[in-house]
Amino acid sequence: MKLSDSNRKMKLTGLIVVFAAFCCSSIAYAHHSFALFDRSQLTTLSGTVREWKWANPHTWLTVVVRKADGTDEEWALVGSSPNMMIRWGWNAADIKVGDKVMVDIHPARDGKAIGELHTVFLPGGKVLADPGGQSGEALAGGPSDLPTKPQGIPYQ
């Protein structure tokens, strides 16, 4: 039984679609995994905002931290989606480039300068909590009992 050119093209197209779906599924899974962050650890960073991206699917805060040895280190911090953060009292204009902030984060398990946002302490005294890891009523109701000062172990 010999396949016609149109049948061969159809089968080839089908294989390409299946292969592409397989490749993209691992990317989508990795994108939504926060397993690379150690949620049992809370670290406090003190630094200057270099960049603030208020965009879907996740917000990103880049902070330049001065280490104890005098060198600067840039930290990339992932937050929840703007929609979730708005429910918790955030506004895109809350954080500005150049702001001196303290941030409690869940650091990367592998020691890289990345983390998951937990709480941001702004220069004017405003405190913003990230709803990451929350669900159900906690998300809808917003945060309660925000800390007045950082709770993590200071990063050096």
N, C-alpha and C. Protein backbone atom coordinates (compact mmCIF):
# COMPACT_ATOMS: atom_id res chain seq x y z
N MET A 1 0.84 -1.17 0.00
CA MET A 1 0.00 0.00 0.00
C MET A 1 0.89 1.23 0.00
N LYS A 2 0.69 2.06 -0.99
CA LYS A 2 1.52 3.24 -1.19
C LYS A 2 0.73 4.46 -0.75
N LEU A 3 1.38 5.35 0.04
CA LEU A 3 0.73 6.58 0.50
C LEU A 3 0.85 7.66 -0.57
N SER A 4 -0.20 8.41 -0.72
CA SER A 4 -0.16 9.53 -1.66
C SER A 4 0.62 10.68 -1.02
N ASP A 5 1.02 11.64 -1.85
CA ASP A 5 1.77 12.80 -1.35
C ASP A 5 0.98 13.56 -0.30
N SER A 6 -0.32 13.69 -0.48
CA SER A 6 -1.13 14.44 0.49
C SER A 6 -1.21 13.70 1.82
N ASN A 7 -1.27 12.35 1.80
CA ASN A 7 -1.29 11.57 3.04
C ASN A 7 0.05 11.68 3.77
N ARG A 8 1.15 11.65 3.00
CA ARG A 8 2.47 11.80 3.61
C ARG A 8 2.62 13.17 4.27
N LYS A 9 2.17 14.20 3.58
CA LYS A 9 2.24 15.56 4.13
C LYS A 9 1.39 15.67 5.39
N MET A 10 0.22 15.04 5.37
CA MET A 10 -0.66 15.09 6.53
C MET A 10 -0.01 14.40 7.73
N LYS A 11 0.61 13.24 7.49
CA LYS A 11 1.28 12.51 8.58
C LYS A 11 2.48 13.29 9.10
N LEU A 12 3.24 13.88 8.20
CA LEU A 12 4.40 14.68 8.60
C LEU A 12 3.96 15.89 9.41
N THR A 13 2.91 16.55 8.98
CA THR A 13 2.37 17.70 9.72
C THR A 13 1.91 17.26 11.11
N GLY A 14 1.25 16.12 11.18
CA GLY A 14 0.80 15.59 12.47
C GLY A 14 1.96 15.32 13.41
N LEU A 15 3.02 14.72 12.87
CA LEU A 15 4.20 14.45 13.69
C LEU A 15 4.85 15.74 14.19
N ILE A 16 4.92 16.73 13.33
CA ILE A 16 5.50 18.02 13.73
C ILE A 16 4.68 18.66 14.83
N VAL A 17 3.36 18.61 14.71
CA VAL A 17 2.48 19.19 15.74
C VAL A 17 2.67 18.46 17.07
N VAL A 18 2.71 17.14 17.04
CA VAL A 18 2.89 16.37 18.28
C VAL A 18 4.25 16.68 18.90
N PHE A 19 5.29 16.74 18.09
CA PHE A 19 6.63 17.05 18.58
C PHE A 19 6.66 18.46 19.21
N ALA A 20 6.06 19.43 18.54
CA ALA A 20 6.04 20.81 19.06
C ALA A 20 5.27 20.87 20.38
N ALA A 21 4.15 20.17 20.46
CA ALA A 21 3.37 20.16 21.70
C ALA A 21 4.18 19.54 22.83
N PHE A 22 4.88 18.48 22.53
CA PHE A 22 5.71 17.83 23.54
C PHE A 22 6.80 18.78 24.04
N CYS A 23 7.47 19.45 23.13
CA CYS A 23 8.53 20.40 23.51
C CYS A 23 7.98 21.55 24.33
N CYS A 24 6.86 22.09 23.94
CA CYS A 24 6.28 23.24 24.64
C CYS A 24 5.72 22.88 25.99
N SER A 25 5.27 21.64 26.16
CA SER A 25 4.68 21.26 27.45
C SER A 25 5.72 21.32 28.57
N SER A 26 6.96 20.95 28.30
CA SER A 26 7.99 21.02 29.34
C SER A 26 8.32 22.47 29.67
N ILE A 27 8.28 23.35 28.67
CA ILE A 27 8.53 24.77 28.92
C ILE A 27 7.42 25.34 29.79
N ALA A 28 6.19 25.03 29.48
CA ALA A 28 5.05 25.54 30.26
C ALA A 28 5.11 25.03 31.69
N TYR A 29 5.46 23.76 31.87
CA TYR A 29 5.55 23.20 33.21
C TYR A 29 6.65 23.91 34.00
N ALA A 30 7.81 24.09 33.39
CA ALA A 30 8.93 24.74 34.08
C ALA A 30 8.59 26.18 34.42
N HIS A 31 7.88 26.86 33.56
CA HIS A 31 7.53 28.25 33.79
C HIS A 31 6.72 28.43 35.07
N HIS A 32 5.82 27.51 35.34
CA HIS A 32 4.94 27.67 36.49
C HIS A 32 5.45 26.99 37.75
N SER A 33 6.62 26.41 37.70
CA SER A 33 7.17 25.75 38.86
C SER A 33 8.00 26.73 39.69
N PHE A 34 7.71 26.80 40.98
CA PHE A 34 8.50 27.62 41.89
C PHE A 34 9.38 26.72 42.75
N ALA A 35 9.60 25.50 42.28
CA ALA A 35 10.39 24.53 43.04
C ALA A 35 11.84 24.96 43.20
N LEU A 36 12.32 25.87 42.36
CA LEU A 36 13.72 26.27 42.48
C LEU A 36 13.94 27.22 43.65
N PHE A 37 12.86 27.68 44.28
CA PHE A 37 12.99 28.56 45.45
C PHE A 37 12.79 27.78 46.73
N ASP A 38 13.58 28.12 47.74
CA ASP A 38 13.50 27.46 49.04
C ASP A 38 12.50 28.21 49.91
N ARG A 39 11.28 27.72 49.94
CA ARG A 39 10.22 28.39 50.70
C ARG A 39 10.37 28.21 52.21
N SER A 40 11.32 27.40 52.64
CA SER A 40 11.56 27.28 54.08
C SER A 40 12.52 28.37 54.56
N GLN A 41 13.15 29.08 53.62
CA GLN A 41 14.09 30.15 53.96
C GLN A 41 13.50 31.50 53.60
N LEU A 42 13.74 32.48 54.44
CA LEU A 42 13.34 33.86 54.15
C LEU A 42 14.59 34.72 54.33
N THR A 43 14.98 35.40 53.25
CA THR A 43 16.18 36.23 53.23
C THR A 43 15.77 37.67 53.00
N THR A 44 16.41 38.60 53.69
CA THR A 44 16.14 40.02 53.51
C THR A 44 17.26 40.66 52.70
N LEU A 45 16.86 41.29 51.58
CA LEU A 45 17.80 42.04 50.75
C LEU A 45 17.57 43.52 50.99
N SER A 46 18.64 44.29 51.03
CA SER A 46 18.55 45.76 51.07
C SER A 46 19.28 46.27 49.84
N GLY A 47 18.59 47.09 49.06
CA GLY A 47 19.23 47.57 47.85
C GLY A 47 18.45 48.64 47.13
N THR A 48 18.87 48.88 45.90
CA THR A 48 18.29 49.93 45.06
C THR A 48 17.59 49.29 43.87
N VAL A 49 16.38 49.74 43.60
CA VAL A 49 15.61 49.20 42.48
C VAL A 49 16.27 49.62 41.17
N ARG A 50 16.62 48.64 40.35
CA ARG A 50 17.17 48.90 39.02
C ARG A 50 16.08 48.83 37.96
N GLU A 51 15.11 47.91 38.18
CA GLU A 51 14.03 47.74 37.20
C GLU A 51 12.81 47.15 37.88
N TRP A 52 11.63 47.57 37.42
CA TRP A 52 10.36 47.06 37.94
C TRP A 52 9.46 46.79 36.74
N LYS A 53 9.18 45.53 36.49
CA LYS A 53 8.34 45.13 35.36
C LYS A 53 6.99 44.67 35.89
N TRP A 54 5.96 45.42 35.55
CA TRP A 54 4.59 45.13 35.96
C TRP A 54 3.90 44.55 34.74
N ALA A 55 4.02 43.24 34.54
CA ALA A 55 3.49 42.61 33.33
C ALA A 55 3.11 41.16 33.62
N ASN A 56 2.21 40.65 32.82
CA ASN A 56 1.83 39.24 32.90
C ASN A 56 2.87 38.39 32.19
N PRO A 57 3.09 37.17 32.58
CA PRO A 57 2.35 36.45 33.61
C PRO A 57 2.90 36.68 35.02
N HIS A 58 4.08 37.29 35.15
CA HIS A 58 4.68 37.55 36.46
C HIS A 58 5.33 38.93 36.47
N THR A 59 5.29 39.56 37.63
CA THR A 59 6.03 40.81 37.81
C THR A 59 7.48 40.45 38.11
N TRP A 60 8.38 41.40 37.82
CA TRP A 60 9.81 41.20 38.09
C TRP A 60 10.38 42.45 38.72
N LEU A 61 11.09 42.27 39.81
CA LEU A 61 11.78 43.36 40.50
C LEU A 61 13.27 43.05 40.47
N THR A 62 14.04 43.98 39.92
CA THR A 62 15.50 43.82 39.89
C THR A 62 16.08 44.80 40.89
N VAL A 63 16.85 44.27 41.85
CA VAL A 63 17.42 45.07 42.93
C VAL A 63 18.93 44.89 42.93
N VAL A 64 19.65 46.00 43.04
CA VAL A 64 21.11 45.95 43.17
C VAL A 64 21.43 46.02 44.66
N VAL A 65 22.11 44.98 45.13
CA VAL A 65 22.43 44.82 46.55
C VAL A 65 23.92 45.01 46.76
N ARG A 66 24.30 45.84 47.72
CA ARG A 66 25.71 46.02 48.08
C ARG A 66 26.05 44.95 49.11
N LYS A 67 27.01 44.10 48.75
CA LYS A 67 27.43 43.02 49.64
C LYS A 67 28.41 43.53 50.70
N ALA A 68 28.66 42.73 51.71
CA ALA A 68 29.55 43.11 52.81
C ALA A 68 30.96 43.43 52.32
N ASP A 69 31.38 42.79 51.22
CA ASP A 69 32.74 43.04 50.70
C ASP A 69 32.81 44.29 49.80
N GLY A 70 31.69 45.02 49.67
CA GLY A 70 31.67 46.26 48.90
C GLY A 70 31.29 46.10 47.43
N THR A 71 31.14 44.86 46.98
CA THR A 71 30.75 44.65 45.58
C THR A 71 29.22 44.70 45.46
N ASP A 72 28.75 45.02 44.27
CA ASP A 72 27.32 45.05 43.99
C ASP A 72 26.90 43.75 43.33
N GLU A 73 25.71 43.31 43.67
CA GLU A 73 25.15 42.09 43.10
C GLU A 73 23.72 42.38 42.69
N GLU A 74 23.36 41.97 41.48
CA GLU A 74 22.02 42.22 40.96
C GLU A 74 21.15 41.00 41.20
N TRP A 75 19.99 41.22 41.83
CA TRP A 75 19.04 40.16 42.14
C TRP A 75 17.81 40.32 41.28
N ALA A 76 17.35 39.22 40.67
CA ALA A 76 16.11 39.18 39.90
C ALA A 76 15.06 38.47 40.75
N LEU A 77 13.98 39.18 41.04
CA LEU A 77 12.96 38.67 41.95
C LEU A 77 11.63 38.56 41.22
N VAL A 78 11.07 37.37 41.21
CA VAL A 78 9.81 37.13 40.52
C VAL A 78 8.65 37.28 41.50
N GLY A 79 7.60 37.93 41.01
CA GLY A 79 6.40 38.11 41.82
C GLY A 79 5.20 37.50 41.13
N SER A 80 4.05 37.64 41.76
CA SER A 80 2.80 37.15 41.20
C SER A 80 2.37 38.01 40.01
N SER A 81 1.25 37.66 39.43
CA SER A 81 0.71 38.43 38.31
C SER A 81 0.17 39.77 38.83
N PRO A 82 0.17 40.80 37.98
CA PRO A 82 -0.39 42.09 38.41
C PRO A 82 -1.82 41.96 38.94
N ASN A 83 -2.64 41.13 38.33
CA ASN A 83 -4.02 40.95 38.76
C ASN A 83 -4.09 40.49 40.22
N MET A 84 -3.27 39.52 40.57
CA MET A 84 -3.26 39.02 41.95
C MET A 84 -2.73 40.09 42.90
N MET A 85 -1.70 40.81 42.45
CA MET A 85 -1.09 41.81 43.32
C MET A 85 -2.02 43.00 43.56
N ILE A 86 -2.79 43.37 42.56
CA ILE A 86 -3.76 44.46 42.73
C ILE A 86 -4.74 44.10 43.84
N ARG A 87 -5.18 42.86 43.87
CA ARG A 87 -6.11 42.41 44.92
C ARG A 87 -5.50 42.56 46.31
N TRP A 88 -4.18 42.57 46.35
CA TRP A 88 -3.49 42.67 47.63
C TRP A 88 -2.95 44.07 47.89
N GLY A 89 -3.46 45.05 47.13
CA GLY A 89 -3.11 46.44 47.42
C GLY A 89 -1.94 47.02 46.66
N TRP A 90 -1.40 46.28 45.70
CA TRP A 90 -0.27 46.77 44.91
C TRP A 90 -0.76 47.69 43.81
N ASN A 91 0.14 48.55 43.35
CA ASN A 91 -0.09 49.41 42.20
C ASN A 91 1.24 49.49 41.46
N ALA A 92 1.18 49.52 40.15
CA ALA A 92 2.41 49.55 39.35
C ALA A 92 3.31 50.72 39.73
N ALA A 93 2.71 51.83 40.17
CA ALA A 93 3.48 53.03 40.49
C ALA A 93 4.08 53.01 41.90
N ASP A 94 3.80 51.98 42.67
CA ASP A 94 4.33 51.91 44.04
C ASP A 94 5.86 51.85 44.08
N ILE A 95 6.44 51.16 43.13
CA ILE A 95 7.89 50.96 43.11
C ILE A 95 8.47 51.73 41.93
N LYS A 96 9.55 52.47 42.20
CA LYS A 96 10.19 53.28 41.17
C LYS A 96 11.69 52.96 41.09
N VAL A 97 12.22 53.06 39.89
CA VAL A 97 13.66 52.88 39.71
C VAL A 97 14.38 53.89 40.61
N GLY A 98 15.39 53.43 41.32
CA GLY A 98 16.14 54.28 42.23
C GLY A 98 15.69 54.20 43.67
N ASP A 99 14.49 53.63 43.93
CA ASP A 99 14.01 53.47 45.31
C ASP A 99 14.96 52.58 46.10
N LYS A 100 15.19 52.96 47.36
CA LYS A 100 15.93 52.12 48.30
C LYS A 100 14.89 51.26 48.99
N VAL A 101 15.00 49.95 48.85
CA VAL A 101 14.00 49.04 49.40
C VAL A 101 14.65 47.96 50.23
N MET A 102 13.84 47.34 51.07
CA MET A 102 14.20 46.09 51.73
C MET A 102 13.16 45.09 51.27
N VAL A 103 13.61 43.90 50.93
CA VAL A 103 12.73 42.90 50.37
C VAL A 103 12.98 41.56 51.04
N ASP A 104 11.90 40.97 51.56
CA ASP A 104 11.99 39.60 52.05
C ASP A 104 11.69 38.68 50.87
N ILE A 105 12.55 37.70 50.65
CA ILE A 105 12.40 36.78 49.53
C ILE A 105 12.61 35.34 49.97
N HIS A 106 12.13 34.44 49.14
CA HIS A 106 12.52 33.03 49.24
C HIS A 106 13.64 32.86 48.21
N PRO A 107 14.86 32.59 48.65
CA PRO A 107 16.00 32.53 47.72
C PRO A 107 16.01 31.24 46.89
N ALA A 108 16.80 31.25 45.84
CA ALA A 108 16.98 30.06 45.01
C ALA A 108 17.71 28.99 45.80
N ARG A 109 17.34 27.77 45.56
CA ARG A 109 17.98 26.64 46.24
C ARG A 109 19.45 26.50 45.85
N ASP A 110 19.78 26.91 44.61
CA ASP A 110 21.14 26.70 44.12
C ASP A 110 22.09 27.87 44.40
N GLY A 111 21.64 28.87 45.15
CA GLY A 111 22.51 29.98 45.52
C GLY A 111 22.60 31.10 44.51
N LYS A 112 21.90 31.00 43.38
CA LYS A 112 21.93 32.08 42.39
C LYS A 112 21.22 33.30 42.95
N ALA A 113 21.52 34.45 42.37
CA ALA A 113 20.95 35.72 42.84
C ALA A 113 19.56 35.95 42.24
N ILE A 114 18.67 35.01 42.53
CA ILE A 114 17.27 35.12 42.13
C ILE A 114 16.41 34.72 43.32
N GLY A 115 15.17 35.18 43.32
CA GLY A 115 14.31 34.82 44.43
C GLY A 115 12.85 35.06 44.10
N GLU A 116 12.00 34.57 44.98
CA GLU A 116 10.56 34.77 44.88
C GLU A 116 10.18 35.86 45.88
N LEU A 117 9.51 36.90 45.38
CA LEU A 117 9.08 38.00 46.26
C LEU A 117 8.18 37.49 47.38
N HIS A 118 8.37 38.03 48.56
CA HIS A 118 7.50 37.73 49.69
C HIS A 118 6.91 39.03 50.22
N THR A 119 7.76 39.97 50.63
CA THR A 119 7.31 41.25 51.17
C THR A 119 8.29 42.34 50.75
N VAL A 120 7.74 43.50 50.36
CA VAL A 120 8.56 44.65 49.97
C VAL A 120 8.30 45.78 50.95
N PHE A 121 9.37 46.36 51.47
CA PHE A 121 9.30 47.48 52.41
C PHE A 121 9.80 48.71 51.66
N LEU A 122 8.88 49.64 51.37
CA LEU A 122 9.19 50.83 50.57
C LEU A 122 9.73 51.96 51.44
N PRO A 123 10.44 52.92 50.82
CA PRO A 123 11.06 54.01 51.58
C PRO A 123 10.08 54.83 52.43
N GLY A 124 8.87 55.03 51.97
CA GLY A 124 7.90 55.83 52.71
C GLY A 124 7.21 55.09 53.84
N GLY A 125 7.57 53.82 54.04
CA GLY A 125 6.97 53.03 55.11
C GLY A 125 5.88 52.07 54.65
N LYS A 126 5.48 52.16 53.38
CA LYS A 126 4.45 51.25 52.88
C LYS A 126 5.03 49.84 52.78
N VAL A 127 4.21 48.86 53.14
CA VAL A 127 4.62 47.45 53.08
C VAL A 127 3.67 46.73 52.13
N LEU A 128 4.25 45.98 51.20
CA LEU A 128 3.47 45.22 50.22
C LEU A 128 3.82 43.75 50.32
N ALA A 129 2.79 42.92 50.45
CA ALA A 129 3.01 41.47 50.51
C ALA A 129 2.62 40.87 49.17
N ASP A 130 3.39 39.89 48.72
CA ASP A 130 3.08 39.20 47.47
C ASP A 130 2.21 37.99 47.81
N PRO A 131 1.11 37.80 47.06
CA PRO A 131 0.20 36.69 47.36
C PRO A 131 0.69 35.33 46.91
N GLY A 132 1.90 35.23 46.37
CA GLY A 132 2.41 33.94 45.89
C GLY A 132 2.24 32.85 46.93
N GLY A 133 1.74 31.71 46.47
CA GLY A 133 1.55 30.57 47.36
C GLY A 133 0.24 30.60 48.13
N GLN A 134 -0.51 31.68 48.04
CA GLN A 134 -1.79 31.77 48.73
C GLN A 134 -2.89 31.20 47.83
N SER A 135 -4.00 30.85 48.41
CA SER A 135 -5.10 30.34 47.60
C SER A 135 -6.43 30.67 48.27
N GLY A 136 -7.50 30.50 47.53
CA GLY A 136 -8.85 30.64 48.06
C GLY A 136 -9.13 31.98 48.69
N GLU A 137 -9.70 31.94 49.90
CA GLU A 137 -10.12 33.15 50.59
C GLU A 137 -8.96 34.09 50.88
N ALA A 138 -7.79 33.55 51.15
CA ALA A 138 -6.64 34.39 51.45
C ALA A 138 -6.32 35.29 50.27
N LEU A 139 -6.45 34.78 49.06
CA LEU A 139 -6.20 35.60 47.88
C LEU A 139 -7.23 36.69 47.74
N ALA A 140 -8.49 36.33 47.90
CA ALA A 140 -9.58 37.29 47.71
C ALA A 140 -9.58 38.36 48.79
N GLY A 141 -9.24 37.98 50.01
CA GLY A 141 -9.31 38.91 51.12
C GLY A 141 -8.12 39.83 51.27
N GLY A 142 -7.03 39.49 50.62
CA GLY A 142 -5.83 40.30 50.76
C GLY A 142 -5.07 39.95 52.03
N PRO A 143 -3.95 40.58 52.22
CA PRO A 143 -3.11 40.24 53.37
C PRO A 143 -3.68 40.80 54.67
N SER A 144 -3.34 40.14 55.74
CA SER A 144 -3.69 40.67 57.05
C SER A 144 -2.43 40.61 57.91
N ASP A 145 -2.35 41.52 58.85
CA ASP A 145 -1.21 41.55 59.77
C ASP A 145 0.14 41.60 59.04
N LEU A 146 0.31 42.61 58.20
CA LEU A 146 1.59 42.78 57.52
C LEU A 146 2.69 43.10 58.53
N PRO A 147 3.87 42.57 58.32
CA PRO A 147 4.98 42.91 59.22
C PRO A 147 5.37 44.37 59.06
N THR A 148 5.90 44.96 60.11
CA THR A 148 6.35 46.36 60.04
C THR A 148 7.83 46.45 59.70
N LYS A 149 8.53 45.32 59.80
CA LYS A 149 9.95 45.30 59.46
C LYS A 149 10.27 43.93 58.83
N PRO A 150 11.37 43.85 58.11
CA PRO A 150 11.73 42.58 57.46
C PRO A 150 11.84 41.44 58.46
N GLN A 151 11.45 40.26 58.00
CA GLN A 151 11.44 39.06 58.85
C GLN A 151 12.54 38.06 58.49
N GLY A 152 13.23 38.30 57.36
CA GLY A 152 14.22 37.33 56.90
C GLY A 152 15.59 37.50 57.52
N ILE A 153 16.46 36.58 57.19
CA ILE A 153 17.86 36.65 57.61
C ILE A 153 18.56 37.62 56.66
N PRO A 154 19.23 38.67 57.19
CA PRO A 154 19.88 39.66 56.31
C PRO A 154 20.91 39.00 55.40
N TYR A 155 20.85 39.36 54.13
CA TYR A 155 21.80 38.87 53.14
C TYR A 155 23.09 39.68 53.23
N GLN A 156 24.22 38.98 53.17
CA GLN A 156 25.49 39.67 53.22
C GLN A 156 26.30 39.22 52.08
